[in-house]
Protein backbone atom coordinates (compact mmCIF):
# COMPACT_ATOMS: atom_id res chain seq x y z
CA MET A 1 23.97 28.54 -8.00
CA ASN A 2 25.30 29.07 -4.22
CA THR A 3 24.40 26.69 -0.91
CA SER A 4 21.32 27.91 0.35
CA THR A 5 18.76 26.78 2.82
CA ALA A 6 15.05 26.33 2.14
CA GLU A 7 13.30 29.14 2.94
CA HIS A 8 10.61 28.06 5.65
CA PRO A 9 9.78 28.98 9.07
CA LYS A 10 12.05 26.93 11.25
CA GLN A 11 9.78 24.45 13.66
CA ASN A 12 11.64 22.37 16.01
CA GLY A 13 15.10 22.91 14.05
CA ALA A 14 13.78 20.55 11.61
CA VAL A 15 13.57 22.36 8.28
CA SER A 16 17.19 24.39 8.32
CA LYS A 17 18.54 20.13 7.55
CA ILE A 18 17.00 20.83 4.09
CA GLN A 19 19.34 22.50 1.61
CA LYS A 20 19.91 22.88 -1.93
CA GLN A 21 23.39 22.56 -3.00
CA ASP A 22 25.63 22.96 -6.14
CA GLY A 23 24.96 19.59 -7.87
CA ASP A 24 23.59 18.24 -4.73
CA HIS A 25 20.43 17.01 -6.36
CA ALA A 26 18.11 13.75 -5.65
CA PRO A 27 18.57 10.90 -8.82
CA CYS A 28 14.99 11.04 -10.30
CA SER A 29 13.20 9.53 -13.69
CA ALA A 30 12.01 12.81 -15.08
CA LEU A 31 11.10 16.14 -13.54
CA THR A 32 8.91 16.84 -10.84
CA VAL A 33 5.65 16.38 -10.89
CA PRO A 34 3.37 18.51 -8.48
CA TYR A 35 0.48 17.38 -6.61
CA LYS A 36 -2.35 19.44 -6.67
CA CYS A 37 -4.82 19.47 -4.01
CA THR A 38 -8.38 18.71 -5.37
CA LEU A 39 -9.43 16.84 -1.73
CA SER A 40 -13.06 18.05 -0.42
CA PRO A 41 -13.19 20.10 2.88
CA THR A 42 -14.76 16.57 4.34
CA LEU A 43 -10.96 14.72 3.07
CA ARG A 44 -9.08 17.60 4.05
CA LYS A 45 -10.47 17.64 7.54
CA ARG A 46 -9.39 14.00 7.82
CA ALA A 47 -6.45 13.65 6.21
CA GLU A 48 -5.30 16.30 8.83
CA SER A 49 -7.25 14.81 11.71
CA GLU A 50 -5.69 11.10 11.02
CA LEU A 51 -2.63 11.50 9.26
CA GLY A 52 -1.37 15.11 10.47
CA GLU A 53 -1.71 16.68 6.68
CA ASN A 54 -2.21 20.07 5.86
CA HIS A 55 -0.42 22.03 3.03
CA LEU A 56 2.83 22.85 4.93
CA VAL A 57 3.66 19.52 6.05
CA ARG A 58 2.72 18.38 2.48
CA LYS A 59 5.61 20.43 1.04
CA LEU A 60 7.89 19.93 3.91
CA ALA A 61 7.89 16.03 3.16
CA PHE A 62 8.12 16.05 -0.40
CA GLU A 63 11.57 18.33 0.70
CA GLY A 64 12.63 15.78 3.18
CA MET A 65 11.66 12.78 0.90
CA ARG A 66 13.81 14.36 -2.14
CA GLN A 67 16.75 15.02 0.98
CA MET A 68 16.51 11.46 1.72
CA MET A 69 17.23 10.42 -2.37
CA ARG A 70 20.23 12.16 -2.38
CA THR A 71 21.46 9.61 0.00
CA ARG A 72 21.21 7.10 -2.42
CA PRO A 73 22.26 7.70 -5.69
CA ASP A 74 22.02 4.04 -6.22
CA ILE A 75 18.31 4.12 -7.08
CA HIS A 76 16.68 6.64 -9.41
CA PHE A 77 13.64 7.84 -7.78
CA THR A 78 10.36 9.16 -9.76
CA GLN A 79 9.88 12.36 -9.01
CA ASP A 80 5.98 12.20 -9.39
CA GLU A 81 4.48 13.76 -6.13
CA ARG A 82 1.51 12.20 -6.70
CA PHE A 83 2.83 8.92 -5.92
CA LEU A 84 4.82 9.99 -3.36
CA LEU A 85 2.31 10.99 -1.37
CA ARG A 86 0.62 7.68 -1.37
CA PHE A 87 3.83 6.46 0.98
CA LEU A 88 4.04 9.40 2.96
CA ARG A 89 0.04 8.77 3.79
CA ALA A 90 0.90 5.62 4.16
CA LYS A 91 3.53 6.13 6.88
CA LYS A 92 1.27 8.95 8.66
CA PHE A 93 4.01 11.55 7.39
CA GLU A 94 6.94 9.74 9.10
CA VAL A 95 9.00 10.76 6.57
CA ASP A 96 11.76 8.28 7.73
CA ARG A 97 9.53 6.07 7.35
CA ALA A 98 7.71 6.56 3.98
CA PHE A 99 11.64 6.95 2.44
CA LYS A 100 12.09 3.28 3.41
CA ALA A 101 9.42 1.83 2.13
CA LEU A 102 10.07 3.67 -1.21
CA VAL A 103 13.78 2.04 -1.43
CA LYS A 104 12.12 -1.30 -0.80
CA TYR A 105 9.48 -0.60 -2.94
CA TYR A 106 12.34 -0.38 -5.77
CA GLU A 107 14.57 -2.94 -3.82
CA LEU A 108 11.81 -5.87 -3.95
CA HIS A 109 11.27 -4.84 -7.52
CA LYS A 110 14.84 -5.78 -8.14
CA LYS A 111 15.13 -8.84 -5.67
CA HIS A 112 11.97 -10.18 -7.04
CA PRO A 113 11.39 -9.50 -11.20
CA ASN A 114 9.75 -12.41 -12.25
CA PHE A 115 6.66 -11.33 -9.41
CA PHE A 116 6.59 -7.88 -10.80
CA ARG A 117 7.17 -9.17 -14.70
CA ASP A 118 3.76 -8.57 -17.11
CA TYR A 119 2.35 -7.20 -13.45
CA LYS A 120 -0.73 -5.75 -15.00
CA LYS A 121 -4.40 -6.33 -15.17
CA SER A 122 -4.59 -8.54 -17.65
CA SER A 123 -2.22 -10.79 -16.32
CA ILE A 124 -4.36 -11.81 -13.67
CA LYS A 125 -7.65 -12.64 -15.48
CA HIS A 126 -7.65 -15.95 -14.53
CA VAL A 127 -7.95 -15.53 -10.98
CA LEU A 128 -10.34 -12.86 -11.32
CA ASP A 129 -12.37 -15.72 -13.73
CA ASP A 130 -12.00 -17.61 -10.64
CA GLY A 131 -14.13 -15.09 -8.57
CA PHE A 132 -11.69 -13.23 -6.55
CA PRO A 133 -10.67 -10.83 -5.70
CA LEU A 134 -13.97 -8.40 -5.28
CA VAL A 135 -14.28 -4.38 -4.16
CA LEU A 136 -17.74 -4.87 -2.03
CA SER A 137 -20.25 -2.21 -3.36
CA SER A 138 -20.12 -0.14 -0.33
CA PRO A 139 -17.53 0.49 2.14
CA ASP A 140 -17.59 -0.06 5.97
CA SER A 141 -18.70 2.73 8.05
CA GLU A 142 -15.77 5.17 7.76
CA GLY A 143 -15.66 4.98 4.16
CA ARG A 144 -13.16 2.28 3.76
CA PRO A 145 -12.95 -0.51 0.46
CA ILE A 146 -13.33 -3.79 1.45
CA VAL A 147 -11.39 -5.53 -0.50
CA ALA A 148 -13.23 -9.44 -0.51
CA LEU A 149 -11.90 -12.96 -1.94
CA ARG A 150 -13.19 -16.79 -1.68
CA THR A 151 -10.85 -19.20 -2.29
CA ILE A 152 -13.29 -22.08 -2.95
CA HIS A 153 -12.41 -21.85 -6.35
CA TRP A 154 -8.78 -22.39 -6.02
CA ASP A 155 -7.39 -25.47 -8.45
CA THR A 156 -3.44 -25.58 -7.48
CA ASN A 157 -3.24 -27.24 -10.10
CA ASN A 158 -4.20 -24.21 -12.52
CA TYR A 159 -1.98 -21.49 -10.59
CA GLY A 160 -0.48 -21.13 -7.39
CA VAL A 161 -0.41 -18.50 -4.45
CA LEU A 162 1.48 -15.86 -6.62
CA ASP A 163 -0.62 -14.96 -8.74
CA ILE A 164 -3.70 -15.03 -5.74
CA ALA A 165 -1.64 -12.66 -4.47
CA LYS A 166 -0.36 -10.25 -7.32
CA ALA A 167 -4.67 -9.86 -7.82
CA VAL A 168 -4.96 -8.83 -4.50
CA PHE A 169 -1.81 -6.66 -4.90
CA MET A 170 -3.34 -5.03 -7.86
CA VAL A 171 -6.85 -4.33 -6.79
CA MET A 172 -5.19 -2.48 -3.78
CA MET A 173 -2.53 -0.79 -6.11
CA ASP A 174 -5.68 0.05 -8.56
CA LEU A 175 -7.89 1.92 -5.75
CA VAL A 176 -5.30 4.24 -4.60
CA GLU A 177 -5.49 5.74 -7.53
CA ASP A 178 -8.11 7.49 -5.89
CA GLU A 179 -7.09 9.67 -3.44
CA GLU A 180 -10.01 8.73 -0.67
CA PRO A 181 -9.08 5.50 0.19
CA GLN A 182 -5.28 6.43 0.86
CA ILE A 183 -6.54 8.78 3.34
CA THR A 184 -9.40 6.46 4.90
CA GLY A 185 -7.50 2.79 4.49
CA VAL A 186 -8.79 -0.15 3.37
CA ASN A 187 -9.66 -3.43 4.87
CA LEU A 188 -9.79 -7.24 3.51
CA LEU A 189 -12.20 -9.77 3.92
CA VAL A 190 -10.90 -13.51 3.28
CA ASP A 191 -13.16 -16.27 3.19
CA LEU A 192 -10.93 -19.73 3.33
CA GLU A 193 -14.25 -22.14 2.79
CA GLY A 194 -12.94 -25.00 1.06
CA MET A 195 -9.15 -24.37 2.10
CA GLY A 196 -6.82 -27.53 2.38
CA ALA A 197 -3.39 -29.33 2.71
CA GLN A 198 -2.67 -28.69 -1.07
CA HIS A 199 -3.54 -24.87 -0.67
CA VAL A 200 -1.43 -24.61 2.56
CA MET A 201 1.54 -26.13 1.06
CA GLN A 202 1.82 -23.41 -1.24
CA MET A 203 2.56 -20.79 1.51
CA GLY A 204 6.14 -22.14 2.68
CA PRO A 205 8.41 -20.12 4.35
CA ASN A 206 10.42 -18.41 1.37
CA VAL A 207 6.74 -17.15 -0.21
CA ALA A 208 5.42 -15.76 3.25
CA LYS A 209 8.65 -14.16 3.91
CA LYS A 210 8.52 -12.56 0.05
CA LEU A 211 4.25 -11.76 -0.02
CA THR A 212 4.37 -10.09 3.22
CA ALA A 213 7.44 -8.26 2.25
CA ILE A 214 5.48 -7.21 -1.08
CA PHE A 215 2.76 -6.82 0.60
CA GLN A 216 4.04 -4.56 3.34
CA ASN A 217 6.36 -2.27 1.28
CA CYS A 218 5.13 -2.18 -2.44
CA VAL A 219 1.46 -1.57 -1.52
CA PRO A 220 1.30 1.79 0.01
CA VAL A 221 -2.06 1.59 1.46
CA ARG A 222 -3.36 1.39 5.23
CA ILE A 223 -4.79 -1.55 5.72
CA HIS A 224 -7.09 -1.21 8.84
CA ALA A 225 -7.96 -4.81 9.59
CA ILE A 226 -8.13 -8.10 7.70
CA HIS A 227 -11.19 -10.17 9.02
CA PHE A 228 -11.08 -14.48 8.10
CA VAL A 229 -14.36 -16.51 7.96
CA ASN A 230 -14.56 -20.06 7.55
CA GLU A 231 -11.26 -21.07 8.32
CA PRO A 232 -10.53 -24.64 8.41
CA MET A 233 -8.44 -26.59 10.99
CA VAL A 234 -5.74 -26.15 8.49
CA PHE A 235 -5.85 -22.65 9.10
CA ASP A 236 -3.59 -22.01 12.05
CA ALA A 237 -0.39 -23.90 10.74
CA ALA A 238 -0.94 -21.58 7.42
CA PHE A 239 -1.34 -18.31 8.92
CA ALA A 240 1.68 -19.13 11.97
CA ILE A 241 4.19 -18.82 9.01
CA LEU A 242 2.65 -16.31 7.08
CA LYS A 243 2.12 -14.33 10.96
CA ALA A 244 6.23 -15.16 11.39
CA PHE A 245 6.84 -12.17 8.99
CA MET A 246 4.12 -9.59 9.47
CA ALA A 247 4.56 -6.16 11.32
CA ASP A 248 3.47 -5.87 14.95
CA LYS A 249 1.14 -3.40 13.98
CA MET A 250 -0.69 -5.74 11.11
CA LYS A 251 -0.72 -8.94 13.19
CA ARG A 252 -3.06 -6.89 15.56
CA ARG A 253 -5.38 -5.75 12.63
CA VAL A 254 -6.14 -9.74 11.95
CA LYS A 255 -9.90 -10.64 13.08
CA ALA A 256 -10.59 -14.48 12.67
CA HIS A 257 -14.32 -15.06 13.16
CA GLY A 258 -14.91 -18.94 12.10
CA THR A 259 -18.68 -19.12 10.87
CA ASP A 260 -19.72 -16.89 13.48
CA PHE A 261 -21.39 -13.95 10.99
CA ALA A 262 -22.74 -12.14 13.91
CA SER A 263 -19.07 -11.54 15.13
CA LEU A 264 -18.76 -10.24 11.67
CA HIS A 265 -21.68 -7.70 11.66
CA LYS A 266 -20.21 -6.11 14.47
CA HIS A 267 -17.79 -4.81 11.54
CA TYR A 268 -19.68 -4.60 8.34
CA PRO A 269 -23.59 -4.95 8.87
CA PRO A 270 -25.53 -7.22 7.02
CA SER A 271 -27.09 -4.21 4.23
CA ILE A 272 -23.08 -4.34 3.01
CA LEU A 273 -22.50 -7.86 2.64
CA PRO A 274 -23.07 -10.84 -0.10
CA SER A 275 -25.70 -13.43 1.51
CA ASN A 276 -22.52 -15.96 1.87
CA TRP A 277 -21.60 -13.91 5.16
CA GLY A 278 -25.00 -13.25 6.39
CA GLY A 279 -25.53 -10.39 4.16
CA ARG A 280 -28.93 -8.92 2.86
CA LEU A 281 -27.57 -8.73 -0.63
CA GLY A 282 -27.21 -11.54 -3.31
CA PRO A 283 -24.53 -14.64 -3.72
CA TYR A 284 -21.37 -13.19 -3.96
CA SER A 285 -20.01 -12.70 -7.56
CA ASN A 286 -17.60 -10.40 -8.78
CA ALA A 287 -18.29 -10.61 -12.70
CA ASP A 288 -19.76 -6.87 -12.90
CA TRP A 289 -16.81 -5.92 -11.01
CA LYS A 290 -14.80 -7.73 -13.07
CA GLU A 291 -15.78 -6.16 -16.00
CA THR A 292 -15.07 -2.73 -14.83
CA PHE A 293 -11.75 -3.15 -13.36
CA LEU A 294 -10.41 -5.17 -16.46
CA ALA A 295 -11.83 -1.78 -18.83
CA GLN A 296 -8.27 -0.68 -18.29
CA ASP A 297 -5.05 -2.47 -18.60
CA ARG A 298 -2.81 -0.44 -16.20
CA ASP A 299 0.56 -1.76 -15.73
CA PHE A 300 1.12 -1.20 -11.86
CA ALA A 301 5.10 -2.23 -12.21
CA ALA A 302 7.80 0.76 -11.72
CA ALA A 303 8.62 2.97 -14.71
CA VAL A 304 11.54 1.41 -16.77
CA ASP A 305 13.32 4.50 -16.03
CA GLU A 306 13.29 4.23 -12.51
CA GLY A 307 14.68 1.62 -9.96
CA VAL A 308 18.13 0.24 -8.68
CA LEU A 309 20.38 1.01 -11.27
CA GLN A 310 22.45 -2.42 -12.14
CA HIS A 311 26.25 -0.58 -11.90
CA PRO A 312 25.16 1.63 -8.62
CA LYS A 313 27.21 4.74 -7.53
CA LYS A 314 28.64 4.31 -4.37
CA SER A 315 25.90 5.80 -1.41
CA LYS A 316 26.70 8.12 1.15
CA GLY A 317 24.27 5.90 3.57
CA HIS A 318 21.30 7.15 5.32
CA SER A 319 22.36 8.17 8.91
CA LYS A 320 20.25 9.60 11.83
CA LYS A 321 21.95 12.86 11.14
CA ASP A 322 20.02 13.27 8.26
CA SER A 323 16.75 11.70 9.26
CA ILE A 324 14.12 13.80 8.81
CA GLY A 325 11.69 12.21 11.17
CA SER A 326 8.28 12.80 11.61
CA SER A 327 6.42 15.69 9.69
CA LYS A 328 3.05 15.02 11.23
CA LYS A 329 5.04 15.70 14.52
CA LEU A 330 7.18 18.67 13.79
CA PHE A 331 5.19 20.89 11.03
CA LYS A 332 1.54 21.38 12.54
CA GLN A 333 1.11 24.80 11.48
CA ASP A 334 -0.51 25.38 8.06
CA SER A 335 0.64 28.30 5.88
CA GLY A 336 -1.79 28.09 3.65
CA PRO A 337 -5.02 25.86 2.36
CA SER A 338 -4.31 22.23 2.72
């Protein structure tokens, strides 16, 4: 096959960078699994408004991702566009950032194999049995799901903070199997009643660094807000450790309410909250939700034929010359239905 440029309208000169060359194809784990848009008209409009997403942007973003994959022959990437789209949406179609997160996703799987071993729902049943987490039955006013958890029943003699983190991460990964949370984003609501020194000791710098790296790179979902309630005196010490490794944007999305539920109600009305937080629903319980969640024992780890190779080929690296930038900024014209 001769060298040829992908046939797309040139916009800001960016599309001309995407080329197909003999023997120059992305390392991959399987044939391309194309994305088929089934979004409702309302979600399509929201995706375009908030993420800059439309038919042409998606098409060019996928091509941009594959172009960057050629710079990393040491990684076998998935070619499932439905999965790649999660990273693109999480980064608002800034292709460079989405690709870096995808690379981190694979690198962290290799760096922390114990964390991702047995990375399926049944492995966290003991955490769920203690009452957390839970996806509230109603989303917020913007349609964002609310992942809630109460730490009051956490006995550190039985399991550590990594098990809780796995549970929260898997719940979020399960949520983004559906496209709507990929577009709307997700909220976290954390009740720290009962937290003591024994819990804070679980959150050392090494653990905090690992969890924030995995959370910010291996869970491709936009976190709109993290709300804390019933924080104890030791909260500041624990959060100071965690905050040191959080992205600045994530730090700004953290809100601590203490026992001031009126403050929480400015974000979530009492009509959708359990009575534990001044809501009109019954007491917090994840029993019914847990049964539904565990009904399908999904494995969330990367496929066995994906990831960083044991004996990698020499990488050409990724330079600014290879950069695609932001599809949202570069490709605003739509050549077809979104």
